[in-house]
N, C-alpha and C. Protein backbone atom coordinates (compact mmCIF):
# COMPACT_ATOMS: atom_id res chain seq x y z
N MET A 1 -177.76 -130.63 2.51
CA MET A 1 -178.75 -131.69 2.80
C MET A 1 -178.34 -132.32 4.16
N ASN A 2 -178.41 -132.04 5.41
CA ASN A 2 -177.91 -133.10 6.34
C ASN A 2 -178.28 -133.20 7.88
N TRP A 3 -178.98 -134.27 7.88
CA TRP A 3 -179.88 -133.98 9.45
C TRP A 3 -179.46 -135.16 10.48
N LYS A 4 -179.89 -135.28 11.11
CA LYS A 4 -179.19 -135.62 12.50
C LYS A 4 -179.68 -136.12 13.63
N LEU A 5 -180.64 -137.03 14.16
CA LEU A 5 -181.67 -137.47 15.23
C LEU A 5 -180.73 -138.25 16.95
N TYR A 6 -180.68 -137.15 17.70
CA TYR A 6 -180.36 -137.87 19.05
C TYR A 6 -181.29 -138.23 19.49
N ASP A 7 -181.25 -139.72 20.12
CA ASP A 7 -182.34 -139.73 20.99
C ASP A 7 -182.61 -139.45 22.27
N SER A 8 -181.06 -139.05 22.54
CA SER A 8 -181.02 -138.10 24.06
C SER A 8 -179.76 -137.49 24.13
N LEU A 9 -180.16 -136.24 25.10
CA LEU A 9 -179.58 -135.65 25.32
C LEU A 9 -177.23 -136.18 25.11
N SER A 10 -177.83 -137.32 26.10
CA SER A 10 -176.43 -137.53 26.11
C SER A 10 -175.86 -137.92 24.94
N GLN A 11 -176.35 -138.11 23.81
CA GLN A 11 -175.52 -138.78 22.51
C GLN A 11 -174.76 -137.42 21.76
N PHE A 12 -175.99 -136.20 22.36
CA PHE A 12 -174.98 -134.68 21.26
C PHE A 12 -173.36 -135.17 22.02
N SER A 13 -173.45 -134.39 20.78
CA SER A 13 -171.85 -133.64 20.39
C SER A 13 -171.61 -132.37 21.59
N PRO A 14 -170.85 -131.67 21.28
CA PRO A 14 -170.54 -130.60 22.16
C PRO A 14 -170.10 -129.91 21.89
N GLU A 15 -169.81 -129.84 20.69
CA GLU A 15 -170.45 -128.98 18.97
C GLU A 15 -171.83 -128.61 18.92
N HIS A 16 -172.68 -129.68 18.69
CA HIS A 16 -174.40 -129.64 17.98
C HIS A 16 -174.88 -128.96 19.38
N LEU A 17 -174.81 -129.22 20.71
CA LEU A 17 -175.56 -129.18 21.58
C LEU A 17 -175.35 -127.27 21.23
N HIS A 18 -174.32 -127.23 21.92
CA HIS A 18 -173.91 -125.69 21.90
C HIS A 18 -174.44 -125.33 20.97
N ALA A 19 -174.69 -125.21 19.09
CA ALA A 19 -175.26 -125.32 18.45
C ALA A 19 -176.61 -124.90 18.80
N VAL A 20 -177.72 -125.92 18.90
CA VAL A 20 -178.92 -126.00 19.34
C VAL A 20 -179.07 -125.42 20.23
N LEU A 21 -178.30 -125.20 21.78
CA LEU A 21 -178.95 -123.56 22.39
C LEU A 21 -178.97 -122.11 22.15
N GLN A 22 -177.79 -121.95 21.02
CA GLN A 22 -177.39 -120.60 20.48
C GLN A 22 -178.55 -120.67 19.67
N LEU A 23 -179.09 -121.26 18.92
CA LEU A 23 -179.84 -121.37 18.23
C LEU A 23 -181.50 -120.83 18.58
N ARG A 24 -182.00 -121.94 19.72
CA ARG A 24 -183.05 -121.80 20.66
C ARG A 24 -182.79 -119.94 21.52
N GLN A 25 -181.41 -119.68 21.85
CA GLN A 25 -181.48 -118.83 22.77
C GLN A 25 -181.34 -117.65 21.64
N ASN A 26 -181.02 -117.49 20.51
CA ASN A 26 -181.03 -116.47 19.66
C ASN A 26 -182.38 -116.59 19.20
N VAL A 27 -183.34 -117.25 18.33
CA VAL A 27 -184.92 -116.97 17.80
C VAL A 27 -185.70 -116.80 19.18
N PHE A 28 -185.41 -117.12 20.33
CA PHE A 28 -186.83 -117.61 20.68
C PHE A 28 -186.73 -116.87 22.77
N ILE A 29 -185.33 -116.18 21.73
CA ILE A 29 -185.45 -115.47 23.60
C ILE A 29 -184.70 -113.27 22.77
N ILE A 30 -184.43 -114.05 21.70
CA ILE A 30 -183.76 -112.29 21.85
C ILE A 30 -184.57 -111.70 20.82
N GLU A 31 -184.54 -112.69 19.62
CA GLU A 31 -185.26 -112.34 18.17
C GLU A 31 -186.71 -111.73 19.16
N GLN A 32 -187.31 -113.14 20.07
CA GLN A 32 -188.67 -112.63 19.99
C GLN A 32 -189.18 -111.61 20.82
N ASP A 33 -187.44 -111.08 21.79
CA ASP A 33 -187.34 -110.71 23.15
C ASP A 33 -189.04 -110.43 24.06
N CYS A 34 -188.27 -112.58 24.50
CA CYS A 34 -189.30 -113.23 25.55
C CYS A 34 -187.94 -114.00 26.95
N ILE A 35 -188.57 -113.68 27.13
CA ILE A 35 -187.35 -114.11 28.25
C ILE A 35 -188.21 -115.16 29.25
N TYR A 36 -187.77 -116.71 28.97
CA TYR A 36 -188.30 -117.70 30.03
C TYR A 36 -187.43 -118.34 29.37
N PRO A 37 -187.46 -119.35 30.61
CA PRO A 37 -186.96 -120.70 30.28
C PRO A 37 -186.29 -122.14 29.05
N ASP A 38 -186.17 -121.30 28.39
CA ASP A 38 -185.79 -122.55 27.45
C ASP A 38 -185.98 -123.65 27.51
N ILE A 39 -183.88 -123.17 28.12
CA ILE A 39 -183.84 -125.33 28.89
C ILE A 39 -184.80 -125.32 30.03
N ASP A 40 -185.72 -126.70 29.23
CA ASP A 40 -186.49 -126.81 30.86
C ASP A 40 -186.81 -128.38 30.81
N GLU A 41 -186.87 -129.18 31.60
CA GLU A 41 -187.43 -130.56 31.75
C GLU A 41 -187.74 -131.38 30.32
N LEU A 42 -187.97 -130.67 29.62
CA LEU A 42 -188.50 -132.02 28.80
C LEU A 42 -187.01 -132.04 27.30
N ASP A 43 -186.34 -131.28 28.24
CA ASP A 43 -185.24 -131.71 26.78
C ASP A 43 -184.59 -132.78 27.13
N SER A 44 -184.49 -133.20 27.96
CA SER A 44 -183.86 -134.29 28.59
C SER A 44 -183.96 -135.56 28.33
N ILE A 45 -185.67 -135.53 27.90
CA ILE A 45 -186.73 -136.34 27.89
C ILE A 45 -187.02 -137.03 26.39
N SER A 46 -186.27 -135.70 25.29
CA SER A 46 -187.02 -135.36 24.26
C SER A 46 -185.75 -136.19 23.25
N GLU A 47 -186.06 -136.24 21.95
CA GLU A 47 -185.18 -136.40 21.65
C GLU A 47 -185.07 -135.36 20.51
N HIS A 48 -183.81 -135.21 19.48
CA HIS A 48 -183.68 -133.17 19.02
C HIS A 48 -183.61 -134.04 17.08
N LEU A 49 -184.24 -133.80 16.53
CA LEU A 49 -183.94 -133.18 15.45
C LEU A 49 -182.78 -132.64 14.76
N LEU A 50 -181.74 -132.45 13.92
CA LEU A 50 -181.19 -131.22 13.89
C LEU A 50 -180.16 -131.48 11.78
N LEU A 51 -180.91 -129.60 11.53
CA LEU A 51 -180.91 -129.63 10.18
C LEU A 51 -179.06 -129.27 10.18
N PHE A 52 -178.77 -129.87 9.05
CA PHE A 52 -177.61 -128.67 8.98
C PHE A 52 -177.40 -128.50 7.57
N ILE A 53 -176.98 -127.39 6.95
CA ILE A 53 -176.58 -127.18 5.44
C ILE A 53 -174.61 -126.52 5.75
N GLU A 54 -174.20 -127.58 4.98
CA GLU A 54 -172.48 -128.10 4.90
C GLU A 54 -172.74 -128.37 6.38
N SER A 55 -172.24 -127.26 7.07
CA SER A 55 -171.73 -128.16 8.68
C SER A 55 -172.46 -126.61 8.88
N LYS A 56 -173.83 -125.36 8.83
CA LYS A 56 -173.96 -124.76 9.98
C LYS A 56 -175.38 -125.44 10.23
N LEU A 57 -175.89 -125.48 11.47
CA LEU A 57 -176.73 -125.72 11.66
C LEU A 57 -177.83 -124.62 11.91
N ALA A 58 -178.90 -124.81 10.74
CA ALA A 58 -179.89 -124.21 9.70
C ALA A 58 -181.52 -124.69 10.47
N GLY A 59 -181.27 -125.46 11.32
CA GLY A 59 -182.36 -125.93 11.79
C GLY A 59 -183.52 -126.44 13.00
N TYR A 60 -183.63 -127.73 14.22
CA TYR A 60 -183.79 -127.71 14.79
C TYR A 60 -185.12 -128.00 15.36
N LEU A 61 -185.86 -129.47 16.14
CA LEU A 61 -187.12 -129.48 16.58
C LEU A 61 -186.29 -130.31 17.38
N ARG A 62 -187.58 -130.26 18.03
CA ARG A 62 -187.51 -131.48 19.31
C ARG A 62 -188.62 -132.52 19.71
N VAL A 63 -188.87 -133.63 19.54
CA VAL A 63 -190.07 -134.86 20.31
C VAL A 63 -189.90 -134.94 21.36
N VAL A 64 -191.40 -134.49 22.07
CA VAL A 64 -191.73 -134.87 23.50
C VAL A 64 -193.05 -135.75 23.76
N PRO A 65 -192.24 -137.49 24.02
CA PRO A 65 -193.23 -138.30 24.04
C PRO A 65 -193.98 -137.36 24.34
N ALA A 66 -195.15 -139.05 24.31
CA ALA A 66 -196.53 -138.98 24.80
C ALA A 66 -196.41 -138.04 26.50
N GLY A 67 -198.20 -138.09 26.36
CA GLY A 67 -198.23 -137.94 28.11
C GLY A 67 -197.11 -136.64 28.96
N GLU A 68 -195.84 -136.16 28.23
CA GLU A 68 -195.67 -135.23 28.85
C GLU A 68 -195.51 -133.79 28.66
N LYS A 69 -195.80 -133.30 27.66
CA LYS A 69 -195.96 -131.91 27.52
C LYS A 69 -198.19 -132.14 27.05
N PHE A 70 -198.15 -133.21 26.56
CA PHE A 70 -199.27 -133.50 25.98
C PHE A 70 -199.43 -134.36 25.80
N LYS A 71 -201.66 -135.19 25.88
CA LYS A 71 -201.72 -136.66 25.38
C LYS A 71 -200.58 -137.10 24.68
N GLU A 72 -200.74 -136.64 23.64
CA GLU A 72 -199.76 -136.93 22.22
C GLU A 72 -198.73 -136.51 22.13
N ILE A 73 -197.85 -137.62 21.55
CA ILE A 73 -195.67 -136.79 21.41
C ILE A 73 -196.00 -135.69 20.73
N SER A 74 -195.66 -134.92 21.10
CA SER A 74 -195.50 -133.84 19.86
C SER A 74 -193.62 -133.15 19.60
N LEU A 75 -193.83 -133.01 18.62
CA LEU A 75 -193.12 -131.59 18.30
C LEU A 75 -193.30 -130.45 18.85
N GLY A 76 -191.64 -129.66 19.14
CA GLY A 76 -191.76 -128.56 19.53
C GLY A 76 -190.20 -128.01 19.39
N ARG A 77 -190.16 -126.57 20.09
CA ARG A 77 -188.48 -126.16 19.73
C ARG A 77 -188.35 -125.80 18.26
N ILE A 78 -190.08 -125.10 17.48
CA ILE A 78 -189.23 -125.94 16.10
C ILE A 78 -188.65 -124.45 15.54
N VAL A 79 -188.04 -124.38 15.02
CA VAL A 79 -186.68 -123.23 14.59
C VAL A 79 -186.23 -123.49 13.43
N VAL A 80 -186.09 -121.96 12.48
CA VAL A 80 -184.81 -122.06 11.67
C VAL A 80 -183.83 -121.29 11.65
N ASP A 81 -182.92 -120.77 11.10
CA ASP A 81 -182.17 -119.93 11.31
C ASP A 81 -182.77 -118.64 10.86
N GLU A 82 -181.92 -117.66 11.29
CA GLU A 82 -182.23 -116.15 10.68
C GLU A 82 -181.80 -117.01 9.01
N ASN A 83 -180.55 -116.88 8.93
CA ASN A 83 -179.81 -116.82 7.85
C ASN A 83 -180.46 -117.84 6.88
N PHE A 84 -181.24 -118.89 6.98
CA PHE A 84 -181.76 -119.83 6.20
C PHE A 84 -183.03 -119.47 5.94
N ARG A 85 -183.78 -119.02 6.48
CA ARG A 85 -184.97 -118.84 6.78
C ARG A 85 -185.25 -118.42 5.11
N GLY A 86 -186.18 -118.62 4.10
CA GLY A 86 -187.07 -118.14 2.87
C GLY A 86 -186.72 -119.17 2.08
N LYS A 87 -186.07 -120.42 2.75
CA LYS A 87 -185.70 -121.41 1.19
C LYS A 87 -186.59 -122.73 1.51
N GLY A 88 -187.79 -123.23 2.13
CA GLY A 88 -188.47 -123.66 2.29
C GLY A 88 -187.75 -124.94 3.20
N LEU A 89 -186.67 -124.32 4.35
CA LEU A 89 -186.32 -125.43 5.39
C LEU A 89 -187.64 -125.73 6.59
N GLY A 90 -188.33 -124.57 6.79
CA GLY A 90 -189.05 -124.90 7.97
C GLY A 90 -190.04 -126.29 7.87
N LYS A 91 -190.55 -126.31 6.65
CA LYS A 91 -191.27 -126.78 5.90
C LYS A 91 -190.38 -128.55 5.79
N LYS A 92 -189.48 -128.48 5.06
CA LYS A 92 -188.80 -129.49 4.96
C LYS A 92 -188.52 -130.05 6.51
N LEU A 93 -188.22 -129.55 7.91
CA LEU A 93 -188.12 -129.51 9.15
C LEU A 93 -188.71 -130.72 9.34
N VAL A 94 -190.47 -129.28 9.56
CA VAL A 94 -191.82 -130.53 10.09
C VAL A 94 -191.77 -131.78 10.11
N GLN A 95 -191.66 -131.89 8.23
CA GLN A 95 -192.46 -132.81 7.49
C GLN A 95 -191.05 -133.91 7.69
N LYS A 96 -189.35 -133.77 7.65
CA LYS A 96 -189.20 -135.18 8.75
C LYS A 96 -189.16 -135.52 10.03
N GLY A 97 -189.57 -134.59 11.20
CA GLY A 97 -190.55 -134.76 11.64
C GLY A 97 -191.47 -135.56 11.66
N ILE A 98 -192.14 -135.41 10.77
CA ILE A 98 -193.76 -136.15 11.10
C ILE A 98 -193.56 -136.93 10.38
N SER A 99 -191.69 -137.09 9.25
CA SER A 99 -191.93 -138.82 8.72
C SER A 99 -191.34 -139.92 9.55
N ILE A 100 -190.55 -139.10 10.74
CA ILE A 100 -189.88 -140.03 11.54
C ILE A 100 -190.42 -140.54 12.87
N LEU A 101 -191.76 -139.88 12.45
CA LEU A 101 -192.84 -140.41 13.78
C LEU A 101 -193.74 -141.71 12.86
N GLU A 102 -194.08 -141.24 11.48
CA GLU A 102 -195.19 -142.32 10.90
C GLU A 102 -194.48 -143.66 10.65
N GLN A 103 -193.17 -143.27 10.87
CA GLN A 103 -192.56 -144.35 10.42
C GLN A 103 -192.03 -145.78 11.46
N LYS A 104 -192.42 -144.44 12.42
CA LYS A 104 -192.31 -145.65 14.61
C LYS A 104 -194.24 -145.67 14.35
N GLY A 105 -194.85 -145.46 13.65
CA GLY A 105 -196.01 -145.98 13.99
C GLY A 105 -197.31 -144.89 14.99
N VAL A 106 -196.35 -143.96 14.54
CA VAL A 106 -196.92 -142.30 15.44
C VAL A 106 -198.62 -142.15 14.26
N ASP A 107 -199.53 -141.96 14.74
CA ASP A 107 -200.81 -141.66 14.01
C ASP A 107 -200.99 -139.64 14.62
N LYS A 108 -200.51 -140.07 15.51
CA LYS A 108 -200.97 -138.14 16.44
C LYS A 108 -200.34 -137.12 16.42
N ILE A 109 -200.15 -136.60 15.85
CA ILE A 109 -198.83 -135.06 16.64
C ILE A 109 -199.92 -134.10 16.71
N ARG A 110 -199.17 -132.97 18.30
CA ARG A 110 -199.38 -132.15 18.22
C ARG A 110 -198.86 -131.63 19.23
N ILE A 111 -198.51 -130.10 18.37
CA ILE A 111 -197.98 -129.12 18.44
C ILE A 111 -198.47 -127.50 19.30
N GLU A 112 -197.36 -126.82 19.65
CA GLU A 112 -198.34 -125.48 20.63
C GLU A 112 -197.45 -125.09 19.48
N ALA A 113 -198.19 -124.56 18.58
CA ALA A 113 -197.69 -123.28 17.99
C ALA A 113 -198.26 -121.87 17.51
N GLN A 114 -196.75 -120.59 16.96
CA GLN A 114 -197.48 -119.34 17.83
C GLN A 114 -198.11 -118.79 17.06
N LEU A 115 -199.54 -118.26 17.05
CA LEU A 115 -200.44 -118.34 16.78
C LEU A 115 -200.13 -117.37 14.73
N TYR A 116 -199.29 -116.84 14.86
CA TYR A 116 -198.94 -115.93 13.38
C TYR A 116 -198.09 -117.52 12.41
N LEU A 117 -198.01 -118.73 12.84
CA LEU A 117 -197.79 -119.94 12.04
C LEU A 117 -199.09 -120.47 11.55
N GLU A 118 -200.12 -120.31 12.01
CA GLU A 118 -201.04 -121.05 11.84
C GLU A 118 -201.29 -121.35 10.75
N VAL A 119 -201.15 -120.86 9.50
CA VAL A 119 -201.57 -120.70 7.93
C VAL A 119 -200.77 -121.53 8.26
N PHE A 120 -199.17 -121.89 8.28
CA PHE A 120 -198.25 -122.79 7.84
C PHE A 120 -198.40 -123.67 8.82
N TYR A 121 -199.01 -124.19 9.81
CA TYR A 121 -199.35 -125.70 9.74
C TYR A 121 -199.99 -125.95 9.18
N THR A 122 -201.44 -125.32 9.27
CA THR A 122 -202.57 -125.49 8.77
C THR A 122 -201.64 -127.22 7.08
N ASP A 123 -200.89 -126.06 6.17
CA ASP A 123 -200.58 -126.42 5.03
C ASP A 123 -199.71 -127.17 5.01
N LEU A 124 -199.58 -127.90 6.69
CA LEU A 124 -198.69 -129.41 7.37
C LEU A 124 -199.38 -130.16 6.92
N GLY A 125 -200.66 -129.94 7.50
CA GLY A 125 -201.64 -130.49 8.15
C GLY A 125 -202.32 -131.55 8.85
N PHE A 126 -201.29 -130.16 9.94
CA PHE A 126 -202.47 -129.49 10.92
C PHE A 126 -204.12 -129.02 11.32
N VAL A 127 -204.14 -129.45 11.87
CA VAL A 127 -206.13 -128.21 12.50
C VAL A 127 -205.75 -128.03 14.36
N ALA A 128 -206.27 -126.71 13.79
CA ALA A 128 -206.86 -125.95 14.72
C ALA A 128 -207.47 -126.74 16.51
N LYS A 129 -206.60 -126.72 17.70
CA LYS A 129 -207.36 -127.42 18.01
C LYS A 129 -208.44 -126.74 19.48
N SER A 130 -207.92 -125.17 19.22
CA SER A 130 -207.69 -124.43 20.60
C SER A 130 -208.10 -123.37 19.90
N SER A 131 -208.49 -122.67 20.86
CA SER A 131 -208.66 -120.90 20.41
C SER A 131 -207.65 -120.58 20.93
N PRO A 132 -206.94 -119.11 20.58
CA PRO A 132 -205.60 -118.35 21.05
C PRO A 132 -205.26 -118.54 22.80
N TYR A 133 -204.63 -118.44 22.57
CA TYR A 133 -203.53 -118.64 24.53
C TYR A 133 -202.56 -117.86 24.48
N ASP A 134 -202.37 -116.86 25.14
CA ASP A 134 -200.98 -116.70 25.94
C ASP A 134 -199.58 -117.47 26.41
N VAL A 135 -198.52 -117.67 25.60
CA VAL A 135 -197.77 -118.20 25.93
C VAL A 135 -196.20 -117.40 26.56
N ASP A 136 -196.26 -116.76 27.80
CA ASP A 136 -194.62 -116.27 28.25
C ASP A 136 -194.80 -114.90 26.71
N GLY A 137 -196.08 -114.38 27.26
CA GLY A 137 -196.62 -113.22 25.86
C GLY A 137 -196.04 -113.19 24.82
N ILE A 138 -196.32 -114.49 23.90
CA ILE A 138 -196.60 -114.70 22.20
C ILE A 138 -198.20 -114.99 22.41
N PRO A 139 -199.03 -115.29 21.98
CA PRO A 139 -199.96 -115.79 20.91
C PRO A 139 -199.95 -117.54 20.35
N HIS A 140 -200.49 -118.47 21.59
CA HIS A 140 -200.05 -119.51 20.72
C HIS A 140 -201.16 -120.32 20.23
N ILE A 141 -201.28 -121.47 19.63
CA ILE A 141 -202.33 -122.67 19.23
C ILE A 141 -202.73 -123.69 19.01
N GLU A 142 -203.31 -124.31 19.81
CA GLU A 142 -202.90 -125.90 19.61
C GLU A 142 -202.68 -127.03 18.24
N MET A 143 -202.34 -127.35 17.66
CA MET A 143 -203.24 -128.20 16.35
C MET A 143 -202.86 -129.86 16.37
N LEU A 144 -203.25 -130.08 16.35
CA LEU A 144 -203.02 -131.62 15.57
C LEU A 144 -203.53 -131.88 14.55
N TYR A 145 -202.16 -132.62 14.27
CA TYR A 145 -201.88 -134.03 12.95
C TYR A 145 -202.25 -135.29 13.11
N LYS A 146 -203.13 -135.41 12.41
CA LYS A 146 -203.69 -136.55 11.94
C LYS A 146 -202.86 -137.19 10.93
N SER A 147 -201.96 -138.95 10.76
CA SER A 147 -201.52 -139.09 10.05
C SER A 147 -202.24 -139.70 9.00
N SER A 148 -202.08 -140.24 8.11
CA SER A 148 -202.97 -140.93 6.79
C SER A 148 -202.99 -142.49 7.50
N ILE A 149 -202.16 -142.65 7.98
CA ILE A 149 -201.99 -144.21 8.38
C ILE A 149 -202.93 -145.04 9.69
N SER A 150 -203.71 -143.69 10.53
CA SER A 150 -204.81 -143.64 11.25
C SER A 150 -205.99 -142.87 10.54
N ARG A 151 -206.33 -142.83 9.29
CA ARG A 151 -207.67 -142.18 8.39
C ARG A 151 -208.33 -143.14 7.79
């Protein structure tokens, strides 16, 4: 298992950028049958965490700065390649994102989770902060993580 954190899009290698965009397209647009603008203005201002198993991109998430999507810093576009699911990598990916942010002194992290993943995120320490709502035809819920550094 290898991790790669890019502070900006300009740091990406062309191969890694292609792999991330392909993974996001395959899951969020094709697999979930949801036509929406996956590539958005948040990509250019976010950090990007990539998880590789051997040389294959297995998972990805982006870290959106506070004040851009939510008041708090947020994790988004959290995704695991279908060939790597069922191995606990989604949990490791989110935990790694949380750990990176806690090391920077971040004490609150907000996510916009697909509703069917509420229990998954609750088990990782997130708490529901909204009623379910629709995003591009998929039910979502806002959830907040409060780090032990703020408790």
